[in-house]
Amino acid sequence: RLAPLHTAPAIPASKMNDSVCAEMALMRIELRHKLQNVQITLGWLVHWKHSFQAADSDSCGRLDVAKLGEWCLKRGLVNVTFSKLRAMIDQVDIHNTHTIALWDFLAIQSYLHLDLHS
């Protein structure tokens, strides 16, 4: 799982030293700077909400790996495997339902399309 954006990776207190603290502080500053430059427009949100609704074939408000896979295939994304989709779902599925809701879907799309992964 990805660490939440607002926290640094957990390090036991016994291993904390000045250089580790300085490195963690630098990581937080770099992340904060990167996120301050991200712009999400209403149009972008509406686009991905419509995409989510199109993928949610039974209108239950959640996508499993099969629905997400079908959505990818319909969009011409043929290099995406079910194991990659399952891994993406696992990254944002904090309740272990093996599904994602709209906000989880938006998190994935933000990460992929707003260049937050580089």
Foldseek 3Di string as FASTA:
>chain_A
DDDPLQDFDDDDPVPDDPVVVVVRVVVNVVSVVLVVPFDDDPVNLVVLVVLVVVLPVVPPQKAALVSVVVSCVVVVNPVDDSVNSQVLQVVQVPPPPNIDGSVSSVVSCCCPPRVVVD
